[in-house]
Amino acid sequence: MASFTLYGRAWCHLCDDLRAGLEPIASEFGVGIEWIDIDTDPALEARYDERVPVLVLDGVELCHYHLDASRVRAALEARGASS
């Protein structure tokens, strides 16, 4: 099953907002969401730090800070067409 990777922080309200907006889209397309708290990994913290949340699908960064629903849907539709 395909899965989004959502990099964020436990105390980040933007992360909560992006995740809440993403959940219905993920459910619609049958895609899981893997949540990764960057504060548990120094390399991820150094990479993403103040850019969280960062949403990735198939190794491609789709958006950060706020959900870009159009881009997410387009990526999922393109992924479905190529499957």
C-alpha atoms as a PDB file:
ATOM      1  CA  MET A   1       0.000   0.000   0.000  1.00  0.00           C
ATOM      2  CA  ALA A   2       1.219   3.492  -0.829  1.00  0.00           C
ATOM      3  CA  SER A   3       1.952   5.799   2.039  1.00  0.00           C
ATOM      4  CA  PHE A   4       2.557   9.471   2.574  1.00  0.00           C
ATOM      5  CA  THR A   5       5.430  10.399   4.835  1.00  0.00           C
ATOM      6  CA  LEU A   6       4.629  13.412   6.960  1.00  0.00           C
ATOM      7  CA  TYR A   7       7.597  14.934   8.773  1.00  0.00           C
ATOM      8  CA  GLY A   8       6.707  17.171  11.688  1.00  0.00           C
ATOM      9  CA  ARG A   9       6.877  17.870  15.371  1.00  0.00           C
ATOM     10  CA  ALA A  10       4.537  16.846  18.167  1.00  0.00           C
ATOM     11  CA  TRP A  11       4.018  20.442  19.298  1.00  0.00           C
ATOM     12  CA  CYS A  12       3.522  21.955  15.822  1.00  0.00           C
ATOM     13  CA  HIS A  13       0.048  23.342  15.083  1.00  0.00           C
ATOM     14  CA  LEU A  14       0.809  23.587  11.348  1.00  0.00           C
ATOM     15  CA  CYS A  15       1.633  19.874  11.422  1.00  0.00           C
ATOM     16  CA  ASP A  16      -1.720  19.136  13.051  1.00  0.00           C
ATOM     17  CA  ASP A  17      -3.508  21.286  10.464  1.00  0.00           C
ATOM     18  CA  LEU A  18      -1.786  19.652   7.492  1.00  0.00           C
ATOM     19  CA  ARG A  19      -2.461  16.182   8.835  1.00  0.00           C
ATOM     20  CA  ALA A  20      -6.141  16.969   9.443  1.00  0.00           C
ATOM     21  CA  GLY A  21      -6.516  18.241   5.884  1.00  0.00           C
ATOM     22  CA  LEU A  22      -4.602  15.302   4.429  1.00  0.00           C
ATOM     23  CA  GLU A  23      -6.516  12.526   6.200  1.00  0.00           C
ATOM     24  CA  PRO A  24      -9.702  12.747   4.069  1.00  0.00           C
ATOM     25  CA  ILE A  25      -7.678  12.817   0.830  1.00  0.00           C
ATOM     26  CA  ALA A  26      -5.551   9.872   1.954  1.00  0.00           C
ATOM     27  CA  SER A  27      -8.677   7.953   2.893  1.00  0.00           C
ATOM     28  CA  GLU A  28     -10.339   8.722  -0.440  1.00  0.00           C
ATOM     29  CA  PHE A  29      -7.349   7.328  -2.355  1.00  0.00           C
ATOM     30  CA  GLY A  30      -6.610   4.476   0.070  1.00  0.00           C
ATOM     31  CA  VAL A  31      -3.193   5.852   1.004  1.00  0.00           C
ATOM     32  CA  GLY A  32      -1.685   5.585   4.473  1.00  0.00           C
ATOM     33  CA  ILE A  33       0.065   8.352   6.379  1.00  0.00           C
ATOM     34  CA  GLU A  34       3.331   7.637   8.147  1.00  0.00           C
ATOM     35  CA  TRP A  35       3.986  10.309  10.779  1.00  0.00           C
ATOM     36  CA  ILE A  36       7.634  10.958  11.657  1.00  0.00           C
ATOM     37  CA  ASP A  37       8.554  13.282  14.524  1.00  0.00           C
ATOM     38  CA  ILE A  38      11.791  14.930  13.387  1.00  0.00           C
ATOM     39  CA  ASP A  39      12.773  15.673  16.977  1.00  0.00           C
ATOM     40  CA  THR A  40      13.512  11.963  17.467  1.00  0.00           C
ATOM     41  CA  ASP A  41      16.224  11.947  14.786  1.00  0.00           C
ATOM     42  CA  PRO A  42      19.052  14.534  14.713  1.00  0.00           C
ATOM     43  CA  ALA A  43      19.561  14.085  10.950  1.00  0.00           C
ATOM     44  CA  LEU A  44      15.886  14.750  10.212  1.00  0.00           C
ATOM     45  CA  GLU A  45      15.846  17.671  12.620  1.00  0.00           C
ATOM     46  CA  ALA A  46      18.843  19.185  10.821  1.00  0.00           C
ATOM     47  CA  ARG A  47      17.256  18.570   7.414  1.00  0.00           C
ATOM     48  CA  TYR A  48      13.741  19.861   8.073  1.00  0.00           C
ATOM     49  CA  ASP A  49      13.978  21.949  11.268  1.00  0.00           C
ATOM     50  CA  GLU A  50      11.803  25.044  10.712  1.00  0.00           C
ATOM     51  CA  ARG A  51      10.276  23.791   7.424  1.00  0.00           C
ATOM     52  CA  VAL A  52       7.843  21.358   9.041  1.00  0.00           C
ATOM     53  CA  PRO A  53       5.439  20.001   8.240  1.00  0.00           C
ATOM     54  CA  VAL A  54       6.839  18.426   5.095  1.00  0.00           C
ATOM     55  CA  LEU A  55       4.713  15.984   3.084  1.00  0.00           C
ATOM     56  CA  VAL A  56       6.433  13.408   0.861  1.00  0.00           C
ATOM     57  CA  LEU A  57       5.029  10.774  -1.510  1.00  0.00           C
ATOM     58  CA  ASP A  58       7.276   8.345  -3.378  1.00  0.00           C
ATOM     59  CA  GLY A  59      10.332  10.393  -2.435  1.00  0.00           C
ATOM     60  CA  VAL A  60       8.883  13.619  -3.841  1.00  0.00           C
ATOM     61  CA  GLU A  61       8.247  16.551  -1.529  1.00  0.00           C
ATOM     62  CA  LEU A  62       4.727  17.736  -2.273  1.00  0.00           C
ATOM     63  CA  CYS A  63       4.322  20.591   0.173  1.00  0.00           C
ATOM     64  CA  HIS A  64       5.485  22.101   3.424  1.00  0.00           C
ATOM     65  CA  TYR A  65       3.930  24.431   6.011  1.00  0.00           C
ATOM     66  CA  HIS A  66       0.435  24.082   4.490  1.00  0.00           C
ATOM     67  CA  LEU A  67      -1.418  21.396   2.553  1.00  0.00           C
ATOM     68  CA  ASP A  68      -1.423  21.938  -1.205  1.00  0.00           C
ATOM     69  CA  ALA A  69      -4.476  19.762  -1.858  1.00  0.00           C
ATOM     70  CA  SER A  70      -4.354  20.290  -5.632  1.00  0.00           C
ATOM     71  CA  ARG A  71      -0.748  19.119  -5.843  1.00  0.00           C
ATOM     72  CA  VAL A  72      -1.426  16.158  -3.552  1.00  0.00           C
ATOM     73  CA  ARG A  73      -4.433  15.062  -5.616  1.00  0.00           C
ATOM     74  CA  ALA A  74      -2.499  15.483  -8.870  1.00  0.00           C
ATOM     75  CA  ALA A  75       0.361  13.351  -7.513  1.00  0.00           C
ATOM     76  CA  LEU A  76      -2.065  10.638  -6.420  1.00  0.00           C
ATOM     77  CA  GLU A  77      -3.906  10.678  -9.733  1.00  0.00           C
ATOM     78  CA  ALA A  78      -0.621  10.505 -11.677  1.00  0.00           C
ATOM     79  CA  ARG A  79       0.528   7.673  -9.443  1.00  0.00           C
ATOM     80  CA  GLY A  80      -2.685   5.774 -10.144  1.00  0.00           C
ATOM     81  CA  ALA A  81      -2.311   6.293 -13.875  1.00  0.00           C
ATOM     82  CA  SER A  82       1.232   4.913 -13.796  1.00  0.00           C
ATOM     83  CA  SER A  83       0.380   1.874 -11.642  1.00  0.00           C
END
